[in-house]
Protein backbone atom coordinates (compact mmCIF):
# COMPACT_ATOMS: atom_id res chain seq x y z
CA MET A 1 0.00 0.00 0.00
CA SER A 2 1.39 3.39 -1.01
CA LEU A 3 1.52 6.02 1.74
CA ARG A 4 1.95 9.00 -0.56
CA THR A 5 -0.25 12.07 -0.19
CA LYS A 6 -2.22 11.23 -3.31
CA PHE A 7 -3.35 7.85 -2.00
CA LEU A 8 -3.94 9.15 1.52
CA LEU A 9 -6.36 11.78 0.22
CA LYS A 10 -7.93 9.15 -2.01
CA ASP A 11 -8.65 6.97 1.04
CA CYS A 12 -10.16 9.95 2.85
CA CYS A 13 -12.44 10.60 -0.13
CA ARG A 14 -13.55 6.98 -0.03
CA PHE A 15 -14.68 7.45 3.58
CA VAL A 16 -16.51 10.65 2.59
CA TYR A 17 -18.31 8.77 -0.17
CA TYR A 18 -19.49 5.96 2.12
CA ALA A 19 -20.60 8.60 4.65
CA GLY A 20 -23.10 9.75 2.04
CA CYS A 21 -21.56 13.04 0.87
CA GLY A 22 -20.52 11.96 -2.62
CA ASN A 23 -17.34 11.62 -4.66
CA TYR A 24 -14.76 14.22 -3.63
CA TRP A 25 -11.90 12.61 -5.55
CA TYR A 26 -10.99 14.22 -8.87
CA GLU A 27 -11.40 10.88 -10.67
CA ASP A 28 -14.78 9.21 -10.98
CA ILE A 29 -13.83 6.24 -8.81
CA ASN A 30 -16.93 6.40 -6.60
CA HIS A 31 -19.91 6.72 -8.90
CA GLU A 32 -22.74 8.99 -7.87
CA THR A 33 -25.58 6.99 -9.37
CA ILE A 34 -29.20 8.14 -9.35
CA PRO A 35 -30.02 5.88 -6.36
CA PHE A 36 -27.04 7.35 -4.48
CA LYS A 37 -28.15 10.92 -5.19
CA LEU A 38 -31.67 10.06 -4.09
CA TYR A 39 -30.30 8.49 -0.90
CA ARG A 40 -28.21 11.61 -0.19
CA PHE A 41 -31.20 13.89 -0.75
CA ILE A 42 -33.43 11.85 1.57
CA SER A 43 -30.81 11.51 4.30
CA PHE A 44 -29.95 15.22 4.34
CA SER A 45 -33.65 16.07 4.31
CA ILE A 46 -34.17 13.89 7.39
CA TYR A 47 -31.21 15.56 9.13
CA THR A 48 -32.65 18.98 8.33
CA VAL A 49 -36.15 18.10 9.55
CA MET A 50 -34.79 16.63 12.80
CA ILE A 51 -32.71 19.72 13.53
CA PHE A 52 -35.67 21.96 12.71
CA LEU A 53 -37.73 20.04 15.29
CA GLU A 54 -34.88 20.50 17.78
CA ASN A 55 -34.94 24.25 17.24
CA VAL A 56 -38.72 24.37 17.71
CA ALA A 57 -38.34 22.31 20.91
CA ALA A 58 -35.67 24.69 22.22
CA ALA A 59 -37.83 27.75 21.47
CA PHE A 60 -41.37 26.59 22.27
CA GLY A 61 -41.27 23.09 23.75
CA SER A 62 -42.56 22.29 27.22
CA PHE A 63 -40.11 19.86 28.80
CA PRO A 64 -38.57 19.17 32.23
CA SER A 65 -35.43 21.19 32.96
CA VAL A 66 -32.96 18.45 31.96
CA GLU A 67 -34.61 17.82 28.58
CA LYS A 68 -35.11 21.55 28.00
CA ASN A 69 -31.41 22.24 28.58
CA SER A 70 -30.52 19.38 26.24
CA ALA A 71 -32.87 20.80 23.59
CA VAL A 72 -31.17 24.20 23.75
CA MET A 73 -27.67 22.70 23.70
CA PHE A 74 -28.29 20.27 20.84
CA ALA A 75 -30.14 22.87 18.80
CA ALA A 76 -27.06 25.12 19.01
CA ILE A 77 -24.65 22.26 18.22
CA HIS A 78 -26.64 20.76 15.38
CA ASN A 79 -27.28 24.12 13.70
CA ILE A 80 -23.51 24.51 13.42
CA VAL A 81 -23.11 20.88 12.36
CA LEU A 82 -25.71 21.22 9.60
CA THR A 83 -24.09 24.43 8.38
CA LYS A 84 -20.71 22.70 8.15
CA MET A 85 -22.22 19.77 6.26
CA TYR A 86 -23.90 21.99 3.67
CA LEU A 87 -20.74 24.10 3.29
CA PHE A 88 -18.85 20.86 2.66
CA LEU A 89 -21.31 19.94 -0.09
CA TYR A 90 -21.18 23.47 -1.53
CA HIS A 91 -17.39 23.38 -1.97
CA LYS A 92 -17.35 19.93 -3.55
CA VAL A 93 -15.94 21.03 -6.92
CA SER A 94 -13.24 23.13 -5.28
CA ILE A 95 -12.26 20.26 -2.97
CA ARG A 96 -11.91 17.86 -5.92
CA LYS A 97 -9.60 20.34 -7.63
CA LEU A 98 -7.67 20.83 -4.39
CA ASN A 99 -7.20 17.07 -4.02
CA PHE A 100 -5.78 16.83 -7.52
CA GLU A 101 -3.30 19.65 -6.99
CA MET A 102 -2.19 18.48 -3.55
CA GLY A 103 -1.72 14.92 -4.72
CA ALA A 104 0.38 15.91 -7.73
CA LEU A 105 2.47 18.72 -6.19
CA GLY A 106 5.97 17.56 -5.33
CA GLU A 107 5.00 13.90 -5.65
CA ASN A 108 8.48 13.02 -6.91
CA LEU A 109 10.06 14.56 -3.79
CA GLU A 110 8.04 12.64 -1.20
CA GLU A 111 10.06 10.27 0.99
CA ASP A 112 8.70 7.08 2.48
CA ASP A 113 9.68 7.82 6.09
CA VAL A 114 8.02 11.26 6.01
CA MET A 115 4.90 9.90 4.29
CA LYS A 116 4.63 7.14 6.88
CA LYS A 117 4.52 9.73 9.67
CA GLN A 118 1.91 11.70 7.74
CA TYR A 119 -0.24 8.61 7.21
CA TRP A 120 -0.23 7.57 10.86
CA LYS A 121 -0.90 11.11 12.05
CA VAL A 122 -3.99 11.39 9.85
CA LYS A 123 -5.19 7.86 10.58
CA TYR A 124 -4.86 7.86 14.35
CA GLY A 125 -5.97 11.46 14.80
CA ILE A 126 -9.22 10.88 12.91
CA LEU A 127 -9.74 7.41 14.40
CA PHE A 128 -9.44 8.71 17.97
CA TYR A 129 -11.89 11.52 17.19
CA VAL A 130 -14.42 9.06 15.72
CA VAL A 131 -14.12 6.79 18.77
CA THR A 132 -14.69 9.63 21.25
CA VAL A 133 -17.74 10.87 19.33
CA TYR A 134 -19.42 7.47 19.26
CA LEU A 135 -18.51 6.74 22.88
CA SER A 136 -20.34 9.91 23.83
CA LEU A 137 -23.37 9.13 21.67
CA GLY A 138 -23.44 5.56 22.94
CA ALA A 139 -23.44 6.87 26.52
CA TYR A 140 -26.46 9.05 25.70
CA GLY A 141 -28.31 6.00 24.39
CA VAL A 142 -27.40 3.87 27.44
CA GLU A 143 -28.46 6.59 29.91
CA SER A 144 -31.75 7.21 28.11
CA THR A 145 -32.48 3.47 28.06
CA ARG A 146 -31.71 3.22 31.78
CA LYS A 147 -34.04 6.10 32.62
CA SER A 148 -36.85 4.68 30.51
CA ILE A 149 -36.55 1.25 32.19
CA VAL A 150 -35.83 2.28 35.79
CA GLU A 151 -37.70 5.57 36.07
CA GLY A 152 -40.36 5.08 33.41
CA ALA A 153 -39.29 8.28 31.61
CA PRO A 154 -39.58 8.60 27.82
CA PHE A 155 -36.54 7.55 25.79
CA TYR A 156 -34.85 10.87 24.90
CA THR A 157 -31.47 11.54 23.37
CA VAL A 158 -31.98 14.42 20.95
CA VAL A 159 -35.01 16.42 22.11
CA THR A 160 -37.46 17.28 19.36
CA TYR A 161 -40.74 19.20 19.51
CA TRP A 162 -42.60 16.10 18.30
CA PRO A 163 -43.35 13.73 19.92
CA ALA A 164 -44.39 15.59 23.07
CA TYR A 165 -42.82 14.64 26.40
CA GLU A 166 -46.13 13.31 27.75
CA ASP A 167 -46.70 11.15 24.68
CA LEU A 168 -45.94 7.54 25.69
CA THR A 169 -47.55 5.81 22.71
CA THR A 170 -45.75 3.23 20.60
CA ILE A 171 -45.51 5.64 17.66
CA ALA A 172 -43.82 8.22 19.89
CA ALA A 173 -41.32 5.64 21.15
CA ILE A 174 -40.52 4.55 17.60
CA ALA A 175 -40.06 8.19 16.55
CA ARG A 176 -37.62 8.84 19.43
CA ILE A 177 -35.60 5.73 18.58
CA PHE A 178 -35.62 6.74 14.90
CA PHE A 179 -34.27 10.19 15.77
CA TYR A 180 -31.52 8.61 17.87
CA ILE A 181 -30.50 6.34 14.99
CA THR A 182 -30.64 9.36 12.67
CA TRP A 183 -28.37 11.20 15.09
CA LEU A 184 -25.89 8.31 15.05
CA TYR A 185 -25.89 8.20 11.27
CA MET A 186 -25.72 11.99 10.91
CA MET A 187 -22.33 11.85 12.60
CA LEU A 188 -20.82 10.24 9.48
CA PRO A 189 -21.28 13.21 7.10
CA MET A 190 -20.56 15.53 10.04
CA MET A 191 -17.24 13.82 10.67
CA SER A 192 -16.52 13.98 6.94
CA ALA A 193 -16.91 17.75 7.05
CA ASP A 194 -14.75 17.90 10.19
CA CYS A 195 -12.01 15.49 9.13
CA ALA A 196 -11.49 16.65 5.53
CA PRO A 197 -9.94 19.98 6.65
CA ILE A 198 -7.78 18.14 9.18
CA ALA A 199 -6.42 15.75 6.54
CA HIS A 200 -5.61 18.64 4.20
CA LEU A 201 -3.94 20.65 6.98
CA ILE A 202 -1.73 17.71 7.90
CA CYS A 203 -0.86 16.99 4.27
CA ILE A 204 0.15 20.55 3.44
CA ALA A 205 2.25 20.79 6.61
CA TYR A 206 4.15 17.71 5.46
CA LYS A 207 4.43 19.25 1.98
CA PHE A 208 6.35 22.13 3.56
CA GLN A 209 8.50 19.65 5.46
CA THR A 210 9.20 17.73 2.25
CA LEU A 211 10.14 20.96 0.47
CA ARG A 212 12.54 21.88 3.27
CA ARG A 213 14.20 18.48 2.99
CA HIS A 214 14.44 19.06 -0.77
CA PHE A 215 16.53 22.22 -0.24
CA GLU A 216 18.68 20.44 2.34
CA LYS A 217 19.30 17.61 -0.13
CA ILE A 218 20.22 20.16 -2.80
CA ARG A 219 23.08 21.34 -0.57
CA GLU A 220 24.24 17.80 0.16
CA GLU A 221 24.19 16.85 -3.53
CA PHE A 222 25.91 20.09 -4.51
CA ASP A 223 28.80 19.39 -2.12
CA GLY A 224 29.20 15.98 -3.68
CA ASP A 225 28.81 17.20 -7.26
CA LEU A 226 31.57 19.78 -6.86
CA VAL A 227 34.07 16.95 -6.83
CA MET A 228 32.88 15.85 -10.26
CA GLY A 229 32.82 19.30 -11.83
CA ARG A 230 31.73 22.81 -10.88
CA GLU A 231 29.73 23.63 -14.01
CA GLY A 232 27.45 20.60 -13.78
CA ALA A 233 27.05 21.04 -10.04
CA GLU A 234 25.97 24.68 -10.42
CA GLU A 235 23.51 23.74 -13.16
CA ARG A 236 21.88 21.07 -10.97
CA LEU A 237 21.80 23.51 -8.05
CA TRP A 238 20.07 26.12 -10.22
CA SER A 239 17.52 23.55 -11.46
CA GLY A 240 16.82 22.29 -7.94
CA CYS A 241 16.32 25.81 -6.58
CA LEU A 242 14.00 26.71 -9.43
CA GLU A 243 11.92 23.57 -8.86
CA GLY A 244 11.74 24.26 -5.12
CA ILE A 245 10.65 27.87 -5.63
CA LYS A 246 7.88 26.81 -8.01
CA ILE A 247 6.65 24.24 -5.47
CA HIS A 248 6.75 26.86 -2.71
CA GLN A 249 4.67 29.30 -4.74
CA LYS A 250 2.14 26.53 -5.39
CA LEU A 251 2.08 25.62 -1.70
CA MET A 252 1.29 29.21 -0.76
CA TYR A 253 -1.58 29.13 -3.22
CA LEU A 254 -2.87 25.81 -1.85
CA ALA A 255 -2.71 27.15 1.72
CA ASP A 256 -4.89 30.07 0.62
CA GLU A 257 -7.27 27.63 -1.05
CA ILE A 258 -7.54 25.53 2.11
CA ASN A 259 -8.31 28.68 4.07
CA ARG A 260 -10.90 29.74 1.48
CA ILE A 261 -12.62 26.36 1.25
CA PHE A 262 -12.41 25.14 4.83
CA GLY A 263 -11.93 28.43 6.69
CA ILE A 264 -15.56 28.89 7.74
CA ILE A 265 -15.87 25.22 8.72
CA MET A 266 -12.82 25.46 10.97
CA SER A 267 -14.00 28.82 12.35
CA LEU A 268 -17.40 27.37 13.23
CA GLN A 269 -15.62 24.53 14.99
CA VAL A 270 -13.81 27.01 17.25
CA CYS A 271 -17.17 28.57 18.20
CA GLU A 272 -18.88 25.20 18.64
CA SER A 273 -16.18 23.66 20.82
CA SER A 274 -15.83 26.60 23.20
CA ALA A 275 -19.54 27.39 23.60
CA VAL A 276 -20.74 23.81 23.98
CA ALA A 277 -17.88 22.91 26.33
CA VAL A 278 -19.03 25.68 28.69
CA LEU A 279 -22.58 24.31 28.69
CA LEU A 280 -21.42 20.76 29.31
CA LEU A 281 -18.99 21.73 32.09
CA LEU A 282 -21.74 23.76 33.77
CA ARG A 283 -24.03 20.74 33.63
CA LEU A 284 -21.27 18.68 35.24
CA ALA A 285 -20.53 21.26 37.94
CA LEU A 286 -24.15 21.99 38.83
CA SER A 287 -25.02 18.30 39.16
CA PRO A 288 -22.76 17.04 41.99
CA ASP A 289 -24.75 13.79 42.28
CA MET A 290 -24.40 12.91 38.58
CA ASP A 291 -24.22 9.16 38.05
CA LEU A 292 -21.35 7.40 36.30
CA THR A 293 -23.08 7.15 32.91
CA ASN A 294 -23.98 10.84 32.84
CA ALA A 295 -20.47 11.84 33.91
CA PHE A 296 -18.92 9.58 31.26
CA MET A 297 -21.32 10.99 28.66
CA THR A 298 -20.36 14.58 29.53
CA TYR A 299 -16.62 13.97 29.77
CA THR A 300 -16.45 12.13 26.44
CA PHE A 301 -18.53 14.84 24.74
CA VAL A 302 -16.27 17.62 26.07
CA GLY A 303 -13.21 15.53 25.18
CA SER A 304 -14.32 14.94 21.60
CA LEU A 305 -15.07 18.65 21.09
CA PHE A 306 -11.71 19.77 22.44
CA PHE A 307 -9.84 17.04 20.59
CA LEU A 308 -11.45 18.15 17.32
CA LEU A 309 -10.55 21.75 18.15
CA ALA A 310 -6.98 20.67 18.86
CA LEU A 311 -6.76 18.77 15.56
CA ASN A 312 -7.77 21.92 13.69
CA LEU A 313 -5.68 24.46 15.59
CA TRP A 314 -2.58 22.35 16.18
CA ASN A 315 -2.32 21.29 12.55
CA ALA A 316 -2.99 24.83 11.33
CA GLY A 317 -0.23 25.95 13.68
CA GLU A 318 2.03 23.19 12.33
CA ILE A 319 1.70 24.72 8.85
CA THR A 320 2.89 28.07 10.23
CA TYR A 321 5.81 26.36 12.00
CA GLN A 322 6.93 24.21 9.04
CA ALA A 323 6.68 27.19 6.67
CA SER A 324 8.88 29.25 9.01
CA LEU A 325 11.67 26.63 8.78
CA LEU A 326 11.89 26.93 5.00
CA SER A 327 13.79 30.22 4.74
CA PRO A 328 17.03 28.98 6.43
CA ALA A 329 16.99 25.80 4.33
CA VAL A 330 16.74 27.90 1.16
CA PHE A 331 19.48 30.31 2.24
CA TYR A 332 21.95 27.52 3.03
CA CYS A 333 21.29 25.55 -0.16
CA GLY A 334 24.85 26.29 -1.40
CA TRP A 335 24.38 29.31 -3.68
CA HIS A 336 27.29 31.15 -2.03
CA MET A 337 29.71 28.44 -3.16
CA CYS A 338 28.99 29.02 -6.83
CA ALA A 339 31.61 30.74 -8.94
CA THR A 340 31.17 34.45 -9.59
CA GLY A 341 29.46 35.39 -12.82
CA ARG A 342 26.08 34.87 -14.39
CA PRO A 343 25.20 31.44 -12.90
CA ARG A 344 25.81 32.77 -9.40
CA ARG A 345 23.82 35.95 -10.05
CA ASP A 346 20.88 33.88 -11.33
CA ILE A 347 20.95 31.63 -8.27
CA GLU A 348 21.26 34.63 -5.96
CA ARG A 349 18.11 36.14 -7.45
CA LEU A 350 16.24 32.85 -7.01
CA VAL A 351 17.36 32.50 -3.40
CA LEU A 352 16.48 36.14 -2.66
CA ILE A 353 12.95 35.65 -3.99
CA ALA A 354 12.49 32.33 -2.17
CA CYS A 355 13.79 33.67 1.17
CA ALA A 356 11.61 36.78 0.93
CA GLN A 357 8.52 34.64 0.29
CA ALA A 358 9.39 32.11 3.00
CA GLN A 359 9.97 34.77 5.66
CA LYS A 360 6.41 36.04 5.37
CA PRO A 361 4.45 34.24 8.14
CA LEU A 362 1.87 31.83 6.80
CA VAL A 363 -1.03 32.02 9.25
CA LEU A 364 -4.54 30.68 8.69
CA LYS A 365 -7.29 32.75 10.29
CA ALA A 366 -10.77 32.09 11.66
CA PHE A 367 -13.31 34.43 10.04
CA GLY A 368 -10.28 36.34 8.72
CA ILE A 369 -9.54 37.66 12.23
CA GLN A 370 -8.39 35.06 14.75
CA ASP A 371 -5.20 33.09 14.10
CA LEU A 372 -5.56 29.31 13.87
CA SER A 373 -2.52 28.28 15.88
CA TYR A 374 -1.16 26.56 18.98
CA SER A 375 -1.56 29.72 21.06
CA THR A 376 -5.18 30.11 19.96
CA PHE A 377 -5.99 26.64 21.31
CA VAL A 378 -4.54 27.60 24.69
CA SER A 379 -6.48 30.90 24.60
CA VAL A 380 -9.76 29.17 23.75
CA ALA A 381 -9.24 26.61 26.52
CA ARG A 382 -8.53 29.37 29.04
CA MET A 383 -11.48 31.44 27.86
CA THR A 384 -13.78 28.43 28.08
CA TYR A 385 -12.73 27.74 31.66
CA SER A 386 -13.02 31.44 32.58
CA VAL A 387 -16.58 31.70 31.24
CA PHE A 388 -17.48 28.44 32.99
CA ALA A 389 -16.02 29.71 36.29
CA VAL A 390 -17.96 32.99 36.08
CA PHE A 391 -21.31 31.28 35.44
CA TYR A 392 -20.57 28.64 38.07
CA GLN A 393 -19.85 31.28 40.73
CA ARG A 394 -22.95 33.26 39.83
CA GLY A 395 -25.03 30.10 39.87
CA GLY A 396 -23.58 29.11 43.25
């Protein structure tokens, strides 16, 4: 199995297809047949109707305090989730083009050891996120089942306006179970919209790392080529620098494209993680007698939200970091060892351009304002705890 970027993105697109979002690979490997399009339309219509009923329940529903708080929380979460899913569908053509360009760019420079690290980082990062999400959702189902059996309460996970809380008929029970299963299945396209930006962030960070290693190898090869002849060595150095500069310019363009395509999705994730984490932590703090299942449900939910936030911000920050390491690698590529004259002047111009471009910080931004970086993750975590502490003190 090849671990190159092209095949990694291809595998990610296969997951997106089976999640019901369609073919996001630039080749028609996963056919969007008429039955598939009909299935996607029906499934997204059901998601939309369910979330609409959640919003109505949050605004007008008459429920006990626990269910009412859940209705408000899930309405806020799922509105953001649905927005991300539709944005993901809207940018489908752009994502297919992005996949083609990222897979082809610098493919001949990719090294197996670097690609192996990239593969495992994407695989285990996304896998851990998926596990935490379904652990949380499973805990909601277990707790609701326990309450319905032990306490005789209706089975509620997501709280919708219909069926009413007092409705204990068989049809109402079937509807609540159906909405829970819909919620479980809705996580697949939601995770597609969440994980696609993460995979692209990781891949482009490793593209910068590969490019840096390319300039370092240029210097090593140039030192060895000088023994064989200066003219040929300088020619290969010039060609290598030119290739590296072209790749760097393309990488800067692709970083802008990632920010354009996935920027709002990642920005919404920052808002979702911080706001919902406050609500969940408050629920945990204001319920000192919470049972084990409820505590596990809350902790896993908060953990999955913050882990997803970390995947976005840490990998966006990794792009900034890897891009910042490029300028020294370009400067020390060996241009200063070339003989004086035209070849050296040409290489000097190339290095000057490359260093000037590489020294400009490459920072992705949320809503065009807030940096997506390591420090932003720390700031969001601190802000979340601060807001939680204020509300907790006022509530106490």
